[in-house]
Amino acid sequence: MDMREVIVEAGKKLINEGFTVETWGNISVRDENGLVYITPSGMDYETCTVDDIVILTIDKQLVSGKRRPSIEIDLHLEVYRARPEVRAVVHTHPISSTVFSCMGESIPLILDEAAQALGDEVRTAPYALPGTIELAKNCVKALGEKSNACLLQSHGAVCVGCDIKGAFKVAKVLEMTAEIYYRIRTVGGSFIPISDDNIKAMQEYVACKYGQPK
């Protein structure tokens, strides 16, 4: 499948599944040759076509596309440079997760699904203006080596995966976890932590045993 089509369909999913509103948020994928395909800046996801997708090298050299790339192009490229295993980045503006980003708090791995999909606690990157190198570097630091998601203070979330499907799975699990954590806090409760050993065991299970053999 043309990677540009992957981006177009992912953009529709971003808006239709409530991960953002209007033209906010952005999506990219990296192909086997290292080229990065990214959504254009400020365009309607519902009307965006393959001709609107911008293709660049990891060094930000334009390969194809007549549009201006997303304002967060540096954030995407910095993530790919720091995490070679990542092949898709989805920047979302979800409601529940953003509540914690506005407080500058982390979201812990309180659920089995979170332990399996998110990789590590979801930290909030310090505030920086959208589209800046500072924001990109803060994001990479918050992701670290293991987490598949981070929050951007007062801004939204960044989710990564080995493909676009995996990145959206992370986005869904992050928002579900944030909503449950929010409700626990609302009723004045506290969560019972999952032990580090059990988190490691679940992650190994997902990596080696879950699902059907390939």
C-alpha atoms as a PDB file:
ATOM      1  CA  MET A   1       0.000   0.000   0.000  1.00  0.00           C
ATOM      2  CA  ASP A   2       1.241   3.503  -0.826  1.00  0.00           C
ATOM      3  CA  MET A   3       2.418   5.106   2.424  1.00  0.00           C
ATOM      4  CA  ARG A   4       0.656   8.298   1.378  1.00  0.00           C
ATOM      5  CA  GLU A   5      -2.646   6.372   1.420  1.00  0.00           C
ATOM      6  CA  VAL A   6      -1.771   5.079   4.886  1.00  0.00           C
ATOM      7  CA  ILE A   7      -1.411   8.673   6.096  1.00  0.00           C
ATOM      8  CA  VAL A   8      -4.653   9.825   4.434  1.00  0.00           C
ATOM      9  CA  GLU A   9      -6.665   7.008   6.015  1.00  0.00           C
ATOM     10  CA  ALA A  10      -4.987   7.548   9.383  1.00  0.00           C
ATOM     11  CA  GLY A  11      -5.930  11.235   9.267  1.00  0.00           C
ATOM     12  CA  LYS A  12      -9.591  10.343   8.862  1.00  0.00           C
ATOM     13  CA  LYS A  13      -9.304   7.906  11.745  1.00  0.00           C
ATOM     14  CA  LEU A  14      -7.689  10.582  13.913  1.00  0.00           C
ATOM     15  CA  ILE A  15     -10.665  12.891  13.516  1.00  0.00           C
ATOM     16  CA  ASN A  16     -13.459  10.289  13.330  1.00  0.00           C
ATOM     17  CA  GLU A  17     -12.384   8.457  16.496  1.00  0.00           C
ATOM     18  CA  GLY A  18     -12.164  11.611  18.549  1.00  0.00           C
ATOM     19  CA  PHE A  19      -8.388  11.852  18.934  1.00  0.00           C
ATOM     20  CA  THR A  20      -8.411  15.495  17.863  1.00  0.00           C
ATOM     21  CA  VAL A  21     -10.635  18.294  16.545  1.00  0.00           C
ATOM     22  CA  GLU A  22     -10.482  20.442  13.419  1.00  0.00           C
ATOM     23  CA  THR A  23      -7.010  20.307  11.830  1.00  0.00           C
ATOM     24  CA  TRP A  24      -4.938  19.798  14.993  1.00  0.00           C
ATOM     25  CA  GLY A  25      -2.728  16.780  15.542  1.00  0.00           C
ATOM     26  CA  ASN A  26      -0.426  15.192  12.980  1.00  0.00           C
ATOM     27  CA  ILE A  27       0.675  11.792  11.714  1.00  0.00           C
ATOM     28  CA  SER A  28       3.783  10.343  10.126  1.00  0.00           C
ATOM     29  CA  VAL A  29       5.179   6.989   9.052  1.00  0.00           C
ATOM     30  CA  ARG A  30       8.700   5.927   8.120  1.00  0.00           C
ATOM     31  CA  ASP A  31       9.189   3.420   5.300  1.00  0.00           C
ATOM     32  CA  GLU A  32      11.809   0.693   4.910  1.00  0.00           C
ATOM     33  CA  ASN A  33      14.084   3.135   3.074  1.00  0.00           C
ATOM     34  CA  GLY A  34      13.986   5.646   5.905  1.00  0.00           C
ATOM     35  CA  LEU A  35      11.752   8.172   4.150  1.00  0.00           C
ATOM     36  CA  VAL A  36       9.219   9.979   6.345  1.00  0.00           C
ATOM     37  CA  TYR A  37       5.649  10.639   5.147  1.00  0.00           C
ATOM     38  CA  ILE A  38       3.766  13.298   7.109  1.00  0.00           C
ATOM     39  CA  THR A  39       0.463  15.164   7.090  1.00  0.00           C
ATOM     40  CA  PRO A  40       0.431  18.702   5.656  1.00  0.00           C
ATOM     41  CA  SER A  41       0.064  21.718   7.922  1.00  0.00           C
ATOM     42  CA  GLY A  42      -3.459  22.905   8.734  1.00  0.00           C
ATOM     43  CA  MET A  43      -5.424  20.867   6.193  1.00  0.00           C
ATOM     44  CA  ASP A  44      -8.791  19.173   6.711  1.00  0.00           C
ATOM     45  CA  TYR A  45      -8.270  15.455   7.327  1.00  0.00           C
ATOM     46  CA  GLU A  46     -11.526  14.595   5.570  1.00  0.00           C
ATOM     47  CA  THR A  47     -10.492  16.219   2.297  1.00  0.00           C
ATOM     48  CA  CYS A  48      -6.743  15.529   2.390  1.00  0.00           C
ATOM     49  CA  THR A  49      -5.497  13.412  -0.560  1.00  0.00           C
ATOM     50  CA  VAL A  50      -2.311  11.498  -1.328  1.00  0.00           C
ATOM     51  CA  ASP A  51      -1.069  14.510  -3.304  1.00  0.00           C
ATOM     52  CA  ASP A  52      -1.157  16.579  -0.096  1.00  0.00           C
ATOM     53  CA  ILE A  53       1.176  14.260   1.826  1.00  0.00           C
ATOM     54  CA  VAL A  54       4.755  15.469   2.212  1.00  0.00           C
ATOM     55  CA  ILE A  55       7.738  13.095   1.955  1.00  0.00           C
ATOM     56  CA  LEU A  56      11.098  13.982   3.488  1.00  0.00           C
ATOM     57  CA  THR A  57      14.391  12.368   4.413  1.00  0.00           C
ATOM     58  CA  ILE A  58      15.340  11.921   8.058  1.00  0.00           C
ATOM     59  CA  ASP A  59      17.529  15.009   7.552  1.00  0.00           C
ATOM     60  CA  LYS A  60      14.455  17.071   6.589  1.00  0.00           C
ATOM     61  CA  GLN A  61      15.235  17.237   2.877  1.00  0.00           C
ATOM     62  CA  LEU A  62      12.105  17.428   0.728  1.00  0.00           C
ATOM     63  CA  VAL A  63      11.617  14.391  -1.519  1.00  0.00           C
ATOM     64  CA  SER A  64       8.054  14.912  -2.706  1.00  0.00           C
ATOM     65  CA  GLY A  65       5.014  17.069  -2.027  1.00  0.00           C
ATOM     66  CA  LYS A  66       3.830  20.571  -2.770  1.00  0.00           C
ATOM     67  CA  ARG A  67       2.391  21.313   0.662  1.00  0.00           C
ATOM     68  CA  ARG A  68       4.035  22.708   3.781  1.00  0.00           C
ATOM     69  CA  PRO A  69       4.572  19.797   6.213  1.00  0.00           C
ATOM     70  CA  SER A  70       3.068  19.733   9.686  1.00  0.00           C
ATOM     71  CA  ILE A  71       4.437  22.352  12.051  1.00  0.00           C
ATOM     72  CA  GLU A  72       5.606  19.453  14.240  1.00  0.00           C
ATOM     73  CA  ILE A  73       7.881  17.944  11.575  1.00  0.00           C
ATOM     74  CA  ASP A  74      10.933  18.356  13.842  1.00  0.00           C
ATOM     75  CA  LEU A  75       9.190  16.462  16.641  1.00  0.00           C
ATOM     76  CA  HIS A  76       8.517  13.515  14.343  1.00  0.00           C
ATOM     77  CA  LEU A  77      12.043  13.481  12.949  1.00  0.00           C
ATOM     78  CA  GLU A  78      13.631  13.726  16.402  1.00  0.00           C
ATOM     79  CA  VAL A  79      11.568  10.727  17.566  1.00  0.00           C
ATOM     80  CA  TYR A  80      12.677   8.664  14.554  1.00  0.00           C
ATOM     81  CA  ARG A  81      16.316   9.582  15.133  1.00  0.00           C
ATOM     82  CA  ALA A  82      16.138   8.638  18.817  1.00  0.00           C
ATOM     83  CA  ARG A  83      14.076   5.461  18.431  1.00  0.00           C
ATOM     84  CA  PRO A  84      15.132   3.413  15.365  1.00  0.00           C
ATOM     85  CA  GLU A  85      12.422   0.800  15.997  1.00  0.00           C
ATOM     86  CA  VAL A  86       9.631   3.366  15.649  1.00  0.00           C
ATOM     87  CA  ARG A  87       7.939   3.429  12.237  1.00  0.00           C
ATOM     88  CA  ALA A  88       4.863   5.553  13.037  1.00  0.00           C
ATOM     89  CA  VAL A  89       4.160   8.642  15.155  1.00  0.00           C
ATOM     90  CA  VAL A  90       0.672   9.922  15.974  1.00  0.00           C
ATOM     91  CA  HIS A  91       0.279  13.268  17.739  1.00  0.00           C
ATOM     92  CA  THR A  92      -3.189  13.456  19.284  1.00  0.00           C
ATOM     93  CA  HIS A  93      -5.231  16.009  21.244  1.00  0.00           C
ATOM     94  CA  PRO A  94      -7.312  13.696  23.475  1.00  0.00           C
ATOM     95  CA  ILE A  95      -9.459  14.966  26.339  1.00  0.00           C
ATOM     96  CA  SER A  96      -8.603  12.784  29.346  1.00  0.00           C
ATOM     97  CA  SER A  97      -4.888  12.474  28.642  1.00  0.00           C
ATOM     98  CA  THR A  98      -4.602  16.225  28.167  1.00  0.00           C
ATOM     99  CA  VAL A  99      -6.094  16.801  31.621  1.00  0.00           C
ATOM    100  CA  PHE A 100      -2.947  15.235  33.086  1.00  0.00           C
ATOM    101  CA  SER A 101      -0.694  17.047  30.636  1.00  0.00           C
ATOM    102  CA  CYS A 102      -2.117  20.355  31.837  1.00  0.00           C
ATOM    103  CA  MET A 103      -1.200  19.376  35.408  1.00  0.00           C
ATOM    104  CA  GLY A 104       2.243  18.238  34.305  1.00  0.00           C
ATOM    105  CA  GLU A 105       1.617  14.772  35.725  1.00  0.00           C
ATOM    106  CA  SER A 106       2.562  11.294  34.577  1.00  0.00           C
ATOM    107  CA  ILE A 107       0.045   8.541  33.886  1.00  0.00           C
ATOM    108  CA  PRO A 108       1.102   5.297  35.594  1.00  0.00           C
ATOM    109  CA  LEU A 109       0.622   1.778  34.271  1.00  0.00           C
ATOM    110  CA  ILE A 110      -2.494   1.020  36.300  1.00  0.00           C
ATOM    111  CA  LEU A 111      -4.025  -1.515  33.865  1.00  0.00           C
ATOM    112  CA  ASP A 112      -2.861  -4.728  32.231  1.00  0.00           C
ATOM    113  CA  GLU A 113      -3.536  -3.133  28.843  1.00  0.00           C
ATOM    114  CA  ALA A 114      -1.396  -0.134  29.767  1.00  0.00           C
ATOM    115  CA  ALA A 115       1.458  -2.336  30.942  1.00  0.00           C
ATOM    116  CA  GLN A 116       1.345  -4.261  27.670  1.00  0.00           C
ATOM    117  CA  ALA A 117       0.910  -1.394  25.200  1.00  0.00           C
ATOM    118  CA  LEU A 118       2.466   1.715  26.728  1.00  0.00           C
ATOM    119  CA  GLY A 119       5.831   0.242  27.657  1.00  0.00           C
ATOM    120  CA  ASP A 120       6.508   2.551  30.593  1.00  0.00           C
ATOM    121  CA  GLU A 121       4.741   5.265  32.578  1.00  0.00           C
ATOM    122  CA  VAL A 122       3.574   8.116  30.369  1.00  0.00           C
ATOM    123  CA  ARG A 123       5.526  11.220  31.361  1.00  0.00           C
ATOM    124  CA  THR A 124       4.650  14.849  30.606  1.00  0.00           C
ATOM    125  CA  ALA A 125       7.251  16.812  28.657  1.00  0.00           C
ATOM    126  CA  PRO A 126       7.875  20.378  29.930  1.00  0.00           C
ATOM    127  CA  TYR A 127       6.066  23.106  28.024  1.00  0.00           C
ATOM    128  CA  ALA A 128       7.550  24.508  24.837  1.00  0.00           C
ATOM    129  CA  LEU A 129       5.913  26.347  21.969  1.00  0.00           C
ATOM    130  CA  PRO A 130       4.398  24.219  19.184  1.00  0.00           C
ATOM    131  CA  GLY A 131       6.693  23.582  16.242  1.00  0.00           C
ATOM    132  CA  THR A 132       9.922  24.292  18.100  1.00  0.00           C
ATOM    133  CA  ILE A 133      13.052  22.193  18.410  1.00  0.00           C
ATOM    134  CA  GLU A 134      12.719  22.610  22.170  1.00  0.00           C
ATOM    135  CA  LEU A 135       9.354  20.852  22.109  1.00  0.00           C
ATOM    136  CA  ALA A 136      10.774  18.072  19.923  1.00  0.00           C
ATOM    137  CA  LYS A 137      13.684  17.463  22.306  1.00  0.00           C
ATOM    138  CA  ASN A 138      11.422  17.598  25.367  1.00  0.00           C
ATOM    139  CA  CYS A 139       9.194  14.983  23.736  1.00  0.00           C
ATOM    140  CA  VAL A 140      12.092  12.630  23.011  1.00  0.00           C
ATOM    141  CA  LYS A 141      13.350  12.949  26.575  1.00  0.00           C
ATOM    142  CA  ALA A 142       9.873  12.210  28.001  1.00  0.00           C
ATOM    143  CA  LEU A 143       9.515   9.138  25.783  1.00  0.00           C
ATOM    144  CA  GLY A 144      12.885   7.809  26.893  1.00  0.00           C
ATOM    145  CA  GLU A 145      13.981   4.410  25.623  1.00  0.00           C
ATOM    146  CA  LYS A 146      10.928   2.334  26.568  1.00  0.00           C
ATOM    147  CA  SER A 147       7.723   4.363  26.654  1.00  0.00           C
ATOM    148  CA  ASN A 148       5.447   4.307  23.618  1.00  0.00           C
ATOM    149  CA  ALA A 149       3.698   7.535  24.609  1.00  0.00           C
ATOM    150  CA  CYS A 150       4.293  10.842  26.296  1.00  0.00           C
ATOM    151  CA  LEU A 151       2.248  13.927  27.059  1.00  0.00           C
ATOM    152  CA  LEU A 152       3.109  17.460  25.970  1.00  0.00           C
ATOM    153  CA  GLN A 153       2.301  19.939  28.723  1.00  0.00           C
ATOM    154  CA  SER A 154      -0.955  21.803  27.962  1.00  0.00           C
ATOM    155  CA  HIS A 155      -0.882  20.438  24.437  1.00  0.00           C
ATOM    156  CA  GLY A 156      -1.686  16.756  23.865  1.00  0.00           C
ATOM    157  CA  ALA A 157      -0.046  13.369  23.454  1.00  0.00           C
ATOM    158  CA  VAL A 158       2.522  11.668  21.232  1.00  0.00           C
ATOM    159  CA  CYS A 159       2.144   7.943  20.561  1.00  0.00           C
ATOM    160  CA  VAL A 160       4.571   5.707  18.668  1.00  0.00           C
ATOM    161  CA  GLY A 161       4.527   2.220  17.204  1.00  0.00           C
ATOM    162  CA  CYS A 162       6.187  -0.219  14.827  1.00  0.00           C
ATOM    163  CA  ASP A 163       3.445   0.705  12.333  1.00  0.00           C
ATOM    164  CA  ILE A 164       0.432   3.007  12.147  1.00  0.00           C
ATOM    165  CA  LYS A 165      -1.879   0.363  13.609  1.00  0.00           C
ATOM    166  CA  GLY A 166       0.413  -0.026  16.594  1.00  0.00           C
ATOM    167  CA  ALA A 167       0.620   3.727  17.170  1.00  0.00           C
ATOM    168  CA  PHE A 168      -3.181   4.027  17.170  1.00  0.00           C
ATOM    169  CA  LYS A 169      -3.416   1.111  19.598  1.00  0.00           C
ATOM    170  CA  VAL A 170      -1.123   3.021  21.944  1.00  0.00           C
ATOM    171  CA  ALA A 171      -3.283   6.138  21.534  1.00  0.00           C
ATOM    172  CA  LYS A 172      -6.453   4.205  22.418  1.00  0.00           C
ATOM    173  CA  VAL A 173      -4.929   2.492  25.447  1.00  0.00           C
ATOM    174  CA  LEU A 174      -3.422   5.762  26.666  1.00  0.00           C
ATOM    175  CA  GLU A 175      -6.767   7.553  26.564  1.00  0.00           C
ATOM    176  CA  MET A 176      -8.583   4.629  28.230  1.00  0.00           C
ATOM    177  CA  THR A 177      -5.966   4.530  30.982  1.00  0.00           C
ATOM    178  CA  ALA A 178      -6.164   8.297  31.474  1.00  0.00           C
ATOM    179  CA  GLU A 179      -9.959   8.157  31.744  1.00  0.00           C
ATOM    180  CA  ILE A 180      -9.848   5.398  34.359  1.00  0.00           C
ATOM    181  CA  TYR A 181      -7.094   7.164  36.301  1.00  0.00           C
ATOM    182  CA  TYR A 182      -9.152  10.380  36.166  1.00  0.00           C
ATOM    183  CA  ARG A 183     -12.197   8.593  37.599  1.00  0.00           C
ATOM    184  CA  ILE A 184     -10.130   7.049  40.386  1.00  0.00           C
ATOM    185  CA  ARG A 185      -8.882  10.500  41.308  1.00  0.00           C
ATOM    186  CA  THR A 186     -12.391  11.990  41.055  1.00  0.00           C
ATOM    187  CA  VAL A 187     -13.810   9.638  43.701  1.00  0.00           C
ATOM    188  CA  GLY A 188     -10.819  10.266  45.950  1.00  0.00           C
ATOM    189  CA  GLY A 189      -9.452   6.772  45.521  1.00  0.00           C
ATOM    190  CA  SER A 190      -6.018   5.415  44.778  1.00  0.00           C
ATOM    191  CA  PHE A 191      -4.919   2.656  42.442  1.00  0.00           C
ATOM    192  CA  ILE A 192      -3.182  -0.571  43.476  1.00  0.00           C
ATOM    193  CA  PRO A 193       0.152  -0.666  41.605  1.00  0.00           C
ATOM    194  CA  ILE A 194       1.055  -3.582  39.344  1.00  0.00           C
ATOM    195  CA  SER A 195       4.455  -4.919  40.363  1.00  0.00           C
ATOM    196  CA  ASP A 196       7.474  -4.361  38.125  1.00  0.00           C
ATOM    197  CA  ASP A 197       7.872  -8.133  37.799  1.00  0.00           C
ATOM    198  CA  ASN A 198       4.307  -8.543  36.572  1.00  0.00           C
ATOM    199  CA  ILE A 199       4.654  -5.640  34.157  1.00  0.00           C
ATOM    200  CA  LYS A 200       7.795  -7.230  32.718  1.00  0.00           C
ATOM    201  CA  ALA A 201       6.073 -10.621  32.490  1.00  0.00           C
ATOM    202  CA  MET A 202       3.112  -9.163  30.577  1.00  0.00           C
ATOM    203  CA  GLN A 203       5.373  -7.313  28.164  1.00  0.00           C
ATOM    204  CA  GLU A 204       7.354 -10.478  27.461  1.00  0.00           C
ATOM    205  CA  TYR A 205       4.116 -12.392  26.967  1.00  0.00           C
ATOM    206  CA  VAL A 206       2.853  -9.890  24.414  1.00  0.00           C
ATOM    207  CA  ALA A 207       6.212  -9.881  22.610  1.00  0.00           C
ATOM    208  CA  CYS A 208       6.620 -13.663  22.440  1.00  0.00           C
ATOM    209  CA  LYS A 209       3.356 -15.534  23.038  1.00  0.00           C
ATOM    210  CA  TYR A 210       0.253 -13.419  22.410  1.00  0.00           C
ATOM    211  CA  GLY A 211      -1.686 -13.915  19.195  1.00  0.00           C
ATOM    212  CA  GLN A 212      -1.038 -16.310  16.337  1.00  0.00           C
ATOM    213  CA  PRO A 213       2.383 -17.356  14.978  1.00  0.00           C
ATOM    214  CA  LYS A 214       3.567 -15.327  11.997  1.00  0.00           C
END
